[in-house]
C-alpha atoms as a PDB file:
ATOM      1  CA  UNK A   1      20.062  10.401 -14.713  1.00  0.00           C
ATOM      2  CA  UNK A   2      17.789  11.850 -12.019  1.00  0.00           C
ATOM      3  CA  UNK A   3      19.082  11.573  -8.488  1.00  0.00           C
ATOM      4  CA  UNK A   4      16.736  10.347  -5.777  1.00  0.00           C
ATOM      5  CA  UNK A   5      15.934  13.000  -3.162  1.00  0.00           C
ATOM      6  CA  UNK A   6      17.271  12.173   0.307  1.00  0.00           C
ATOM      7  CA  UNK A   7      13.717  12.028   1.714  1.00  0.00           C
ATOM      8  CA  UNK A   8      12.757   9.282  -0.763  1.00  0.00           C
ATOM      9  CA  UNK A   9      15.757   6.984  -0.300  1.00  0.00           C
ATOM     10  CA  UNK A  10      14.094   5.029   2.493  1.00  0.00           C
ATOM     11  CA  UNK A  11      10.931   4.393   0.453  1.00  0.00           C
ATOM     12  CA  UNK A  12      10.242   0.711   0.000  1.00  0.00           C
ATOM     13  CA  UNK A  13       7.147   1.271  -2.127  1.00  0.00           C
ATOM     14  CA  UNK A  14       5.118   4.238  -3.338  1.00  0.00           C
ATOM     15  CA  UNK A  15       2.207   4.961  -5.602  1.00  0.00           C
ATOM     16  CA  UNK A  16       0.947   8.241  -6.956  1.00  0.00           C
ATOM     17  CA  UNK A  17      -2.838   7.903  -6.855  1.00  0.00           C
ATOM     18  CA  UNK A  18      -3.536  11.115  -8.753  1.00  0.00           C
ATOM     19  CA  UNK A  19      -1.508  14.043 -10.089  1.00  0.00           C
ATOM     20  CA  UNK A  20      -2.000  17.165 -12.148  1.00  0.00           C
ATOM     21  CA  UNK A  21      -1.852  16.445 -15.860  1.00  0.00           C
ATOM     22  CA  UNK A  22       1.277  18.223 -17.148  1.00  0.00           C
ATOM     23  CA  UNK A  23      -0.296  18.458 -20.614  1.00  0.00           C
ATOM     24  CA  UNK A  24      -3.188  20.514 -19.200  1.00  0.00           C
ATOM     25  CA  UNK A  25      -1.073  22.505 -16.696  1.00  0.00           C
ATOM     26  CA  UNK A  26       2.464  22.619 -18.149  1.00  0.00           C
ATOM     27  CA  UNK A  27       3.518  25.581 -16.005  1.00  0.00           C
ATOM     28  CA  UNK A  28       1.987  24.381 -12.768  1.00  0.00           C
ATOM     29  CA  UNK A  29       0.820  24.295 -10.144  1.00  0.00           C
ATOM     30  CA  UNK A  30       1.551  20.621  -9.576  1.00  0.00           C
ATOM     31  CA  UNK A  31      -0.837  18.777  -7.249  1.00  0.00           C
ATOM     32  CA  UNK A  32      -0.829  15.129  -6.255  1.00  0.00           C
ATOM     33  CA  UNK A  33      -2.031  12.388  -3.948  1.00  0.00           C
ATOM     34  CA  UNK A  34       0.547   9.788  -2.947  1.00  0.00           C
ATOM     35  CA  UNK A  35       0.854   6.881  -0.540  1.00  0.00           C
ATOM     36  CA  UNK A  36       4.144   5.284   0.384  1.00  0.00           C
ATOM     37  CA  UNK A  37       5.756   2.828   2.754  1.00  0.00           C
ATOM     38  CA  UNK A  38       9.216   3.605   4.068  1.00  0.00           C
ATOM     39  CA  UNK A  39      11.796   2.216   6.420  1.00  0.00           C
ATOM     40  CA  UNK A  40      12.304   4.156   9.639  1.00  0.00           C
ATOM     41  CA  UNK A  41      15.027   3.737  12.273  1.00  0.00           C
ATOM     42  CA  UNK A  42      12.859   1.392  14.364  1.00  0.00           C
ATOM     43  CA  UNK A  43      10.345  -0.035  11.886  1.00  0.00           C
ATOM     44  CA  UNK A  44       8.198   0.810   8.875  1.00  0.00           C
ATOM     45  CA  UNK A  45       5.659   3.539   8.316  1.00  0.00           C
ATOM     46  CA  UNK A  46       2.836   4.187   5.861  1.00  0.00           C
ATOM     47  CA  UNK A  47       2.392   7.790   4.757  1.00  0.00           C
ATOM     48  CA  UNK A  48      -0.361   9.583   2.878  1.00  0.00           C
ATOM     49  CA  UNK A  49       0.799  12.789   1.165  1.00  0.00           C
ATOM     50  CA  UNK A  50      -2.119  15.047   0.273  1.00  0.00           C
ATOM     51  CA  UNK A  51      -1.368  18.029  -1.997  1.00  0.00           C
ATOM     52  CA  UNK A  52      -4.562  19.213  -3.701  1.00  0.00           C
ATOM     53  CA  UNK A  53      -5.466  22.653  -5.004  1.00  0.00           C
ATOM     54  CA  UNK A  54      -7.729  24.824  -2.851  1.00  0.00           C
ATOM     55  CA  UNK A  55     -10.528  24.560  -5.403  1.00  0.00           C
ATOM     56  CA  UNK A  56     -10.174  20.782  -5.841  1.00  0.00           C
ATOM     57  CA  UNK A  57     -13.222  18.884  -4.616  1.00  0.00           C
ATOM     58  CA  UNK A  58     -11.655  15.433  -4.366  1.00  0.00           C
ATOM     59  CA  UNK A  59     -11.795  13.600  -1.083  1.00  0.00           C
ATOM     60  CA  UNK A  60     -13.595  14.652   2.073  1.00  0.00           C
ATOM     61  CA  UNK A  61     -14.564  18.348   2.303  1.00  0.00           C
ATOM     62  CA  UNK A  62     -12.469  20.237   4.832  1.00  0.00           C
ATOM     63  CA  UNK A  63      -9.552  17.793   4.794  1.00  0.00           C
ATOM     64  CA  UNK A  64      -6.278  19.709   4.885  1.00  0.00           C
ATOM     65  CA  UNK A  65      -3.239  19.138   2.717  1.00  0.00           C
ATOM     66  CA  UNK A  66      -0.517  17.528   4.792  1.00  0.00           C
ATOM     67  CA  UNK A  67       1.542  14.396   5.325  1.00  0.00           C
ATOM     68  CA  UNK A  68      -0.423  11.865   7.365  1.00  0.00           C
ATOM     69  CA  UNK A  69       1.103   8.908   9.187  1.00  0.00           C
ATOM     70  CA  UNK A  70      -1.431   6.137   8.519  1.00  0.00           C
ATOM     71  CA  UNK A  71       0.369   3.388  10.353  1.00  0.00           C
ATOM     72  CA  UNK A  72       3.575   2.225  11.953  1.00  0.00           C
ATOM     73  CA  UNK A  73       4.898  -1.329  12.034  1.00  0.00           C
ATOM     74  CA  UNK A  74       7.804  -2.767  14.019  1.00  0.00           C
ATOM     75  CA  UNK A  75      11.099  -3.970  12.549  1.00  0.00           C
ATOM     76  CA  UNK A  76       9.798  -7.511  12.063  1.00  0.00           C
ATOM     77  CA  UNK A  77       6.641  -6.430  10.224  1.00  0.00           C
ATOM     78  CA  UNK A  78       8.029  -5.135   6.933  1.00  0.00           C
ATOM     79  CA  UNK A  79       5.752  -7.319   4.803  1.00  0.00           C
ATOM     80  CA  UNK A  80       2.650  -6.327   6.770  1.00  0.00           C
ATOM     81  CA  UNK A  81       3.433  -2.635   6.265  1.00  0.00           C
ATOM     82  CA  UNK A  82       3.984  -3.091   2.541  1.00  0.00           C
ATOM     83  CA  UNK A  83       0.844  -5.173   2.172  1.00  0.00           C
ATOM     84  CA  UNK A  84      -1.292  -2.596   3.986  1.00  0.00           C
ATOM     85  CA  UNK A  85       0.044   0.267   1.833  1.00  0.00           C
ATOM     86  CA  UNK A  86      -0.555  -1.676  -1.385  1.00  0.00           C
ATOM     87  CA  UNK A  87      -4.071  -2.712  -0.343  1.00  0.00           C
ATOM     88  CA  UNK A  88      -5.035   0.864   0.542  1.00  0.00           C
ATOM     89  CA  UNK A  89      -3.595   2.266  -2.695  1.00  0.00           C
ATOM     90  CA  UNK A  90      -5.403  -0.318  -4.803  1.00  0.00           C
ATOM     91  CA  UNK A  91      -8.675  -0.415  -2.875  1.00  0.00           C
ATOM     92  CA  UNK A  92     -10.629   0.900  -5.880  1.00  0.00           C
ATOM     93  CA  UNK A  93      -9.916   1.417  -9.593  1.00  0.00           C
ATOM     94  CA  UNK A  94     -11.276   4.998  -9.359  1.00  0.00           C
ATOM     95  CA  UNK A  95      -8.648   7.431  -7.994  1.00  0.00           C
ATOM     96  CA  UNK A  96     -11.347   9.663  -6.446  1.00  0.00           C
ATOM     97  CA  UNK A  97     -12.642   6.744  -4.356  1.00  0.00           C
ATOM     98  CA  UNK A  98      -9.123   5.881  -3.194  1.00  0.00           C
ATOM     99  CA  UNK A  99      -8.648   9.540  -2.200  1.00  0.00           C
ATOM    100  CA  UNK A 100     -11.873   9.377  -0.153  1.00  0.00           C
ATOM    101  CA  UNK A 101     -10.607   6.221   1.558  1.00  0.00           C
ATOM    102  CA  UNK A 102      -7.262   7.869   2.302  1.00  0.00           C
ATOM    103  CA  UNK A 103      -9.009  10.968   3.674  1.00  0.00           C
ATOM    104  CA  UNK A 104     -11.124   8.788   5.989  1.00  0.00           C
ATOM    105  CA  UNK A 105      -8.004   7.038   7.262  1.00  0.00           C
ATOM    106  CA  UNK A 106      -6.210  10.380   7.621  1.00  0.00           C
ATOM    107  CA  UNK A 107      -8.993  11.747   9.823  1.00  0.00           C
ATOM    108  CA  UNK A 108      -7.826   9.333  12.538  1.00  0.00           C
ATOM    109  CA  UNK A 109      -4.120   9.575  11.672  1.00  0.00           C
ATOM    110  CA  UNK A 110      -1.281  11.740  12.904  1.00  0.00           C
ATOM    111  CA  UNK A 111      -0.874  14.862  10.756  1.00  0.00           C
ATOM    112  CA  UNK A 112       2.673  16.061  10.178  1.00  0.00           C
END
């Protein structure tokens, strides 16, 4: 059984929007786009994790790979945080369009 990494234990919800196909790239590198909502000490946060290859043209040109804090909600706003994360992640059936949306939100977000 796989153990859950310590950094993921506080995740309430997560969705991988896009990832490298292991059938096409079995030896790597592994790239992905992920959004998740997690519990923090004083509330809930929504994170966008951007890990694309240098030659990947998804999203907005010039956007850097990083973890972006898209939003923070207080202790009493758990449902609002989850709802926002789910709505962003499912804003379009095309992963490339969701990545563009996430990149636009990340442009105004805190980069970590």
